[in-house]
Amino acid sequence: MKFPVLIGALGLLVAGLFAASLLVGPAAIGLSESLSALIRGGADGDAVAVVMREVRLPRALLGAMVGAALGLSGAAMQGFLRNPLAEPGLIGTSASAALGAVLAIQTGFAAAFTLALPLSALVGAVLSVLLIVALAGPRGSALVLILAGIAVSALAGACTALVLNLSPNPYAAAEIVFWMMGSLADRSMTHVWLAAPLMALGAAMILPMGRGLNALTLGEDAAASLGVALGRMRLMLVLGTAALVGAATAVAGAIGFVGLVVPHILRPLVGALPSRLLPASALGGAAMVLAADIAVRLIAPDRDLKLGVLTALVGAPFFLHLIWRTRSEGI
């Protein structure tokens, strides 16, 4: 499939799913009424306008933004590490962001004001980046980066488990568990404006890496001989991925497998070129999260099925398939 055709098709898919996300919900609102309330608004206190502008619109926007962030960062990680099993959480940002949010909930800081929880998650993500950069060093290889990320992720996961284990408040522990399952419910435009600048910054760091990732498919020595600054690329990858994944985790919780599954689905359609896979994976990730968020509202509207649970149920079998195929190919 030609690349412009693929991008156009993915763009139309995202637009269709975004529109569907705006129209799906427990409130039975007609199409014309929904669009009118969304575009024109309504009188003060108008219920339909409140539902469309303050409930469904932020949820749809965050679904597209979070999916794009995870898909883009996953494609970048797989391209840089040349490993089909790499995913955005490999450098430990998501686990560290989750730890920050968990500490905010446990200490009661999350109840202080609306943005306490996502801001705490972002602080955790920033600290993980500083630690990874310190461990990997300016000239660290891809292997050192992976090991540093695994160490940080394991440490953050252990600290999260310790907080849950020692929590004297069962209600706080339950809130922590539910938050870590990932969800876009009960989000507002405040969350959108908090995540948008960081995601834009991360995308601005990663999207220009396409040419360097193309050269890196030939090996690090060949890429260096072609003028690719591997140290700078590694730093941009860590910072960009941290901004994307940290912001996504801060506003939506832990949503796994999107950054792993989407690049694999789209890679054969772009000729395995990382420069083309980056924008395609961003659109594909947005489509996947939007579709999953619509599904959780339709499958169990009264039970609050979590978005991260559904993506894991879909992504885990795909991950097992990747392992089986990798073993069969002897990679």
Protein backbone atom coordinates (compact mmCIF):
# COMPACT_ATOMS: atom_id res chain seq x y z
CA MET A 1 0.00 0.00 0.00
CA LYS A 2 1.28 3.46 -0.90
CA PHE A 3 2.27 5.52 2.11
CA PRO A 4 0.01 8.55 1.41
CA VAL A 5 -2.95 6.21 0.96
CA LEU A 6 -2.17 4.47 4.25
CA ILE A 7 -1.85 7.77 6.13
CA GLY A 8 -5.10 8.99 4.60
CA ALA A 9 -6.92 5.78 5.53
CA LEU A 10 -5.60 5.90 9.10
CA GLY A 11 -6.56 9.56 9.36
CA LEU A 12 -10.11 8.81 8.25
CA LEU A 13 -10.27 5.89 10.70
CA VAL A 14 -9.17 8.11 13.58
CA ALA A 15 -11.67 10.81 12.58
CA GLY A 16 -14.50 8.25 12.42
CA LEU A 17 -13.62 6.74 15.78
CA PHE A 18 -13.27 10.21 17.31
CA ALA A 19 -16.77 11.08 16.12
CA ALA A 20 -18.09 7.76 17.43
CA SER A 21 -16.46 8.42 20.80
CA LEU A 22 -18.34 11.70 21.01
CA LEU A 23 -21.66 9.98 20.33
CA VAL A 24 -21.31 6.88 22.53
CA GLY A 25 -22.29 7.09 26.18
CA PRO A 26 -24.91 6.21 28.80
CA ALA A 27 -26.89 9.38 28.01
CA ALA A 28 -29.20 8.75 25.07
CA ILE A 29 -28.51 11.89 23.03
CA GLY A 30 -29.42 12.10 19.36
CA LEU A 31 -26.89 12.87 16.64
CA SER A 32 -28.20 16.30 15.69
CA GLU A 33 -28.67 17.31 19.32
CA SER A 34 -25.14 16.17 20.18
CA LEU A 35 -23.53 18.08 17.34
CA SER A 36 -25.56 21.20 18.06
CA ALA A 37 -24.60 21.14 21.74
CA LEU A 38 -20.95 20.52 20.91
CA ILE A 39 -20.63 23.25 18.28
CA ARG A 40 -23.04 25.92 19.46
CA GLY A 41 -23.20 25.13 23.16
CA GLY A 42 -26.35 25.92 25.06
CA ALA A 43 -27.81 27.94 27.84
CA ASP A 44 -26.09 27.94 31.22
CA GLY A 45 -26.73 24.64 32.91
CA ASP A 46 -27.84 22.91 29.70
CA ALA A 47 -27.29 19.21 30.43
CA VAL A 48 -26.57 18.17 26.84
CA ALA A 49 -23.94 20.88 26.37
CA VAL A 50 -22.28 19.92 29.65
CA VAL A 51 -22.15 16.23 28.67
CA MET A 52 -20.72 16.93 25.23
CA ARG A 53 -18.21 19.63 26.12
CA GLU A 54 -17.07 18.62 29.59
CA VAL A 55 -17.40 14.82 29.53
CA ARG A 56 -17.28 13.33 26.04
CA LEU A 57 -15.01 15.84 24.26
CA PRO A 58 -12.12 15.59 26.80
CA ARG A 59 -12.45 11.81 26.80
CA ALA A 60 -12.27 11.60 23.00
CA LEU A 61 -9.37 14.06 22.81
CA LEU A 62 -7.39 12.18 25.46
CA GLY A 63 -8.10 8.87 23.75
CA ALA A 64 -6.56 10.15 20.52
CA MET A 65 -3.67 11.87 22.29
CA VAL A 66 -2.75 8.96 24.57
CA GLY A 67 -2.98 6.44 21.74
CA ALA A 68 -0.84 8.58 19.44
CA ALA A 69 1.76 9.08 22.18
CA LEU A 70 2.03 5.36 22.95
CA GLY A 71 2.06 4.30 19.29
CA LEU A 72 4.71 6.86 18.32
CA SER A 73 6.99 6.10 21.26
CA GLY A 74 6.64 2.35 20.68
CA ALA A 75 7.67 2.65 17.04
CA ALA A 76 10.64 4.82 18.02
CA MET A 77 11.81 2.37 20.68
CA GLN A 78 11.57 -0.60 18.34
CA GLY A 79 13.40 1.30 15.60
CA PHE A 80 16.23 2.51 17.81
CA LEU A 81 16.77 -0.78 19.63
CA ARG A 82 16.09 -2.85 16.48
CA ASN A 83 14.08 -5.16 18.68
CA PRO A 84 10.52 -6.17 17.72
CA LEU A 85 9.64 -6.81 21.36
CA ALA A 86 10.61 -3.33 22.60
CA GLU A 87 7.83 -1.12 23.96
CA PRO A 88 7.59 2.36 25.53
CA GLY A 89 7.63 1.14 29.14
CA LEU A 90 11.05 -0.43 28.61
CA ILE A 91 12.88 2.64 29.93
CA GLY A 92 10.82 2.67 33.12
CA THR A 93 8.97 5.96 32.60
CA SER A 94 5.48 4.51 32.91
CA ALA A 95 6.33 2.56 36.08
CA SER A 96 7.91 5.65 37.63
CA ALA A 97 4.96 7.83 36.67
CA ALA A 98 2.65 5.26 38.23
CA LEU A 99 4.73 5.33 41.41
CA GLY A 100 4.38 9.11 41.60
CA ALA A 101 0.61 8.85 41.26
CA VAL A 102 0.44 6.04 43.82
CA LEU A 103 2.34 8.13 46.37
CA ALA A 104 0.00 11.06 45.70
CA ILE A 105 -3.04 8.87 46.39
CA GLN A 106 -1.56 7.20 49.45
CA THR A 107 -0.43 10.42 51.10
CA GLY A 108 -3.70 12.20 50.40
CA PHE A 109 -2.00 14.76 48.14
CA ALA A 110 -4.27 13.72 45.26
CA ALA A 111 -7.27 14.99 47.22
CA ALA A 112 -5.69 18.43 47.70
CA PHE A 113 -6.53 19.74 44.23
CA THR A 114 -7.52 18.44 40.78
CA LEU A 115 -4.08 18.26 39.19
CA ALA A 116 -2.20 16.82 42.17
CA LEU A 117 -2.32 13.25 40.85
CA PRO A 118 -1.20 13.88 37.23
CA LEU A 119 1.46 16.34 38.38
CA SER A 120 2.85 13.77 40.82
CA ALA A 121 2.95 11.24 38.01
CA LEU A 122 4.88 13.68 35.84
CA VAL A 123 7.37 14.28 38.64
CA GLY A 124 7.92 10.52 38.83
CA ALA A 125 8.50 10.38 35.07
CA VAL A 126 11.03 13.24 35.20
CA LEU A 127 12.96 11.60 38.03
CA SER A 128 13.12 8.33 36.07
CA VAL A 129 14.57 10.15 33.06
CA LEU A 130 17.26 11.79 35.17
CA LEU A 131 18.14 8.44 36.73
CA ILE A 132 18.28 6.63 33.38
CA VAL A 133 20.46 9.33 31.81
CA ALA A 134 22.78 9.15 34.81
CA LEU A 135 22.99 5.36 34.66
CA ALA A 136 23.37 5.03 30.89
CA GLY A 137 25.81 7.93 30.55
CA PRO A 138 26.32 10.08 27.46
CA ARG A 139 28.04 7.28 25.52
CA GLY A 140 26.12 4.30 26.81
CA SER A 141 25.13 1.66 24.28
CA ALA A 142 21.59 0.50 23.53
CA LEU A 143 22.18 -2.48 25.84
CA VAL A 144 23.13 -0.17 28.72
CA LEU A 145 19.99 1.89 28.06
CA ILE A 146 17.84 -1.25 28.20
CA LEU A 147 19.46 -2.44 31.42
CA ALA A 148 19.09 0.99 33.02
CA GLY A 149 15.43 1.10 32.02
CA ILE A 150 14.76 -2.37 33.37
CA ALA A 151 16.45 -1.47 36.66
CA VAL A 152 14.44 1.73 37.06
CA SER A 153 11.20 -0.02 36.11
CA ALA A 154 11.85 -2.85 38.58
CA LEU A 155 12.67 -0.39 41.36
CA ALA A 156 9.55 1.68 40.70
CA GLY A 157 7.40 -1.46 40.56
CA ALA A 158 8.84 -2.71 43.84
CA CYS A 159 8.18 0.64 45.52
CA THR A 160 4.61 0.64 44.23
CA ALA A 161 4.07 -2.85 45.62
CA LEU A 162 5.58 -1.76 48.94
CA VAL A 163 3.18 1.19 49.18
CA LEU A 164 0.23 -1.13 48.54
CA ASN A 165 1.54 -3.67 51.01
CA LEU A 166 1.95 -1.15 53.82
CA SER A 167 -1.13 0.93 53.08
CA PRO A 168 -3.27 1.26 56.23
CA ASN A 169 -6.18 2.66 54.25
CA PRO A 170 -8.10 0.05 52.25
CA TYR A 171 -9.95 2.76 50.33
CA ALA A 172 -6.70 4.35 49.19
CA ALA A 173 -5.36 0.92 48.20
CA ALA A 174 -8.48 0.23 46.16
CA GLU A 175 -8.20 3.63 44.46
CA ILE A 176 -4.57 2.91 43.62
CA VAL A 177 -5.41 -0.46 42.07
CA PHE A 178 -8.23 0.98 39.98
CA TRP A 179 -6.10 3.92 38.80
CA MET A 180 -3.32 1.59 37.71
CA MET A 181 -5.76 -0.30 35.46
CA GLY A 182 -5.97 2.76 33.21
CA SER A 183 -9.05 4.71 32.22
CA LEU A 184 -10.23 7.83 30.40
CA ALA A 185 -13.39 8.21 32.46
CA ASP A 186 -13.97 11.34 34.54
CA ARG A 187 -11.31 13.37 32.75
CA SER A 188 -11.70 17.05 31.95
CA MET A 189 -10.24 19.62 29.58
CA THR A 190 -7.79 20.46 32.36
CA HIS A 191 -6.16 17.05 31.82
CA VAL A 192 -6.08 17.71 28.08
CA TRP A 193 -4.26 21.02 28.50
CA LEU A 194 -1.84 19.45 30.99
CA ALA A 195 -0.84 16.59 28.69
CA ALA A 196 -0.93 18.39 25.32
CA PRO A 197 2.27 20.51 25.67
CA LEU A 198 4.35 17.56 26.89
CA MET A 199 3.05 15.28 24.16
CA ALA A 200 3.72 17.94 21.53
CA LEU A 201 7.27 18.34 22.88
CA GLY A 202 7.85 14.58 22.80
CA ALA A 203 6.52 14.29 19.25
CA ALA A 204 8.75 17.18 18.16
CA MET A 205 11.76 15.27 19.51
CA ILE A 206 10.91 11.87 18.02
CA LEU A 207 9.38 12.57 14.60
CA PRO A 208 12.59 14.12 13.16
CA MET A 209 14.48 10.93 14.10
CA GLY A 210 13.07 9.09 11.05
CA ARG A 211 16.15 9.52 8.84
CA GLY A 212 18.50 8.42 11.62
CA LEU A 213 16.36 5.38 12.40
CA ASN A 214 16.39 4.43 8.73
CA ALA A 215 20.19 4.52 8.77
CA LEU A 216 20.30 2.59 12.03
CA THR A 217 18.66 -0.41 10.35
CA LEU A 218 22.07 -0.96 8.72
CA GLY A 219 23.79 -1.10 12.10
CA GLU A 220 25.32 1.43 14.48
CA ASP A 221 28.66 1.60 12.65
CA ALA A 222 26.98 2.20 9.30
CA ALA A 223 24.67 4.81 10.80
CA ALA A 224 27.63 6.62 12.38
CA SER A 225 29.48 6.60 9.05
CA LEU A 226 26.42 8.21 7.44
CA GLY A 227 26.65 11.11 9.88
CA VAL A 228 24.07 10.03 12.44
CA ALA A 229 24.92 11.29 15.93
CA LEU A 230 23.95 8.22 17.95
CA GLY A 231 24.52 9.86 21.33
CA ARG A 232 22.24 12.76 20.49
CA MET A 233 19.64 10.41 19.02
CA ARG A 234 19.70 8.28 22.17
CA LEU A 235 19.16 11.36 24.35
CA MET A 236 16.30 12.60 22.15
CA LEU A 237 14.73 9.15 22.26
CA VAL A 238 14.82 8.98 26.06
CA LEU A 239 13.54 12.53 26.54
CA GLY A 240 10.87 12.28 23.85
CA THR A 241 9.60 8.91 25.01
CA ALA A 242 9.56 10.09 28.61
CA ALA A 243 7.52 13.17 27.68
CA LEU A 244 5.02 11.12 25.66
CA VAL A 245 4.65 8.16 28.00
CA GLY A 246 4.89 10.23 31.18
CA ALA A 247 2.11 12.56 30.05
CA ALA A 248 -0.05 9.65 28.87
CA THR A 249 0.37 7.76 32.15
CA ALA A 250 -0.26 10.90 34.18
CA VAL A 251 -3.70 11.52 32.67
CA ALA A 252 -4.85 7.99 31.82
CA GLY A 253 -3.03 5.58 34.12
CA ALA A 254 -1.21 2.49 32.90
CA ILE A 255 -2.35 1.43 29.42
CA GLY A 256 -0.16 -1.32 28.03
CA PHE A 257 0.52 -3.10 24.75
CA VAL A 258 -0.51 -0.22 22.47
CA GLY A 259 3.10 0.72 21.75
CA LEU A 260 3.96 -2.93 21.15
CA VAL A 261 1.03 -4.05 19.02
CA VAL A 262 0.42 -1.07 16.72
CA PRO A 263 3.92 -0.83 15.14
CA HIS A 264 3.87 -4.56 14.38
CA ILE A 265 0.52 -4.36 12.65
CA LEU A 266 1.60 -1.42 10.49
CA ARG A 267 5.25 -2.32 9.80
CA PRO A 268 4.53 -4.55 6.76
CA LEU A 269 2.35 -1.79 5.28
CA VAL A 270 5.13 0.83 5.31
CA GLY A 271 7.91 -1.35 3.94
CA ALA A 272 9.53 -1.60 7.37
CA LEU A 273 10.87 1.97 7.06
CA PRO A 274 11.05 3.56 10.53
CA SER A 275 10.60 7.07 9.11
CA ARG A 276 7.21 6.04 7.73
CA LEU A 277 6.31 3.85 10.67
CA LEU A 278 6.52 6.75 13.15
CA PRO A 279 3.56 8.82 11.86
CA ALA A 280 1.62 5.69 10.89
CA SER A 281 1.99 4.27 14.41
CA ALA A 282 0.86 7.56 15.95
CA LEU A 283 -2.38 7.41 13.95
CA GLY A 284 -2.73 3.67 14.53
CA GLY A 285 -2.27 4.08 18.28
CA ALA A 286 -4.89 6.83 18.37
CA ALA A 287 -7.32 4.56 16.49
CA MET A 288 -6.64 1.60 18.82
CA VAL A 289 -7.19 3.54 22.06
CA LEU A 290 -10.29 5.28 20.73
CA ALA A 291 -11.73 1.93 19.62
CA ALA A 292 -10.89 0.31 22.97
CA ASP A 293 -12.45 3.21 24.89
CA ILE A 294 -15.64 2.91 22.85
CA ALA A 295 -15.64 -0.84 23.51
CA VAL A 296 -15.39 -0.47 27.30
CA ARG A 297 -18.48 1.75 27.23
CA LEU A 298 -20.44 -0.74 25.13
CA ILE A 299 -19.32 -4.06 26.67
CA ALA A 300 -20.00 -3.26 30.35
CA PRO A 301 -21.56 0.20 30.67
CA ASP A 302 -22.63 -0.43 34.29
CA ARG A 303 -19.43 -2.07 35.58
CA ASP A 304 -16.76 0.51 34.63
CA LEU A 305 -14.55 -1.86 32.66
CA LYS A 306 -11.07 -0.33 32.67
CA LEU A 307 -9.36 0.64 29.42
CA GLY A 308 -6.00 -0.84 30.43
CA VAL A 309 -7.65 -4.18 31.20
CA LEU A 310 -9.15 -4.38 27.71
CA THR A 311 -5.93 -3.42 25.91
CA ALA A 312 -4.07 -6.05 27.96
CA LEU A 313 -6.63 -8.72 27.07
CA VAL A 314 -6.12 -7.89 23.40
CA GLY A 315 -2.38 -7.24 23.55
CA ALA A 316 -1.22 -10.21 25.65
CA PRO A 317 -2.23 -12.88 23.08
CA PHE A 318 -0.55 -10.78 20.38
CA PHE A 319 2.60 -10.59 22.51
CA LEU A 320 2.60 -14.38 22.88
CA HIS A 321 2.21 -14.68 19.12
CA LEU A 322 5.27 -12.45 18.65
CA ILE A 323 7.31 -14.60 21.01
CA TRP A 324 6.24 -17.77 19.17
CA ARG A 325 7.05 -16.27 15.76
CA THR A 326 10.42 -14.97 16.99
CA ARG A 327 11.25 -18.43 18.33
CA SER A 328 10.18 -20.08 15.07
CA GLU A 329 12.36 -17.73 13.02
CA GLY A 330 15.29 -18.39 15.33
CA ILE A 331 15.85 -14.71 16.07
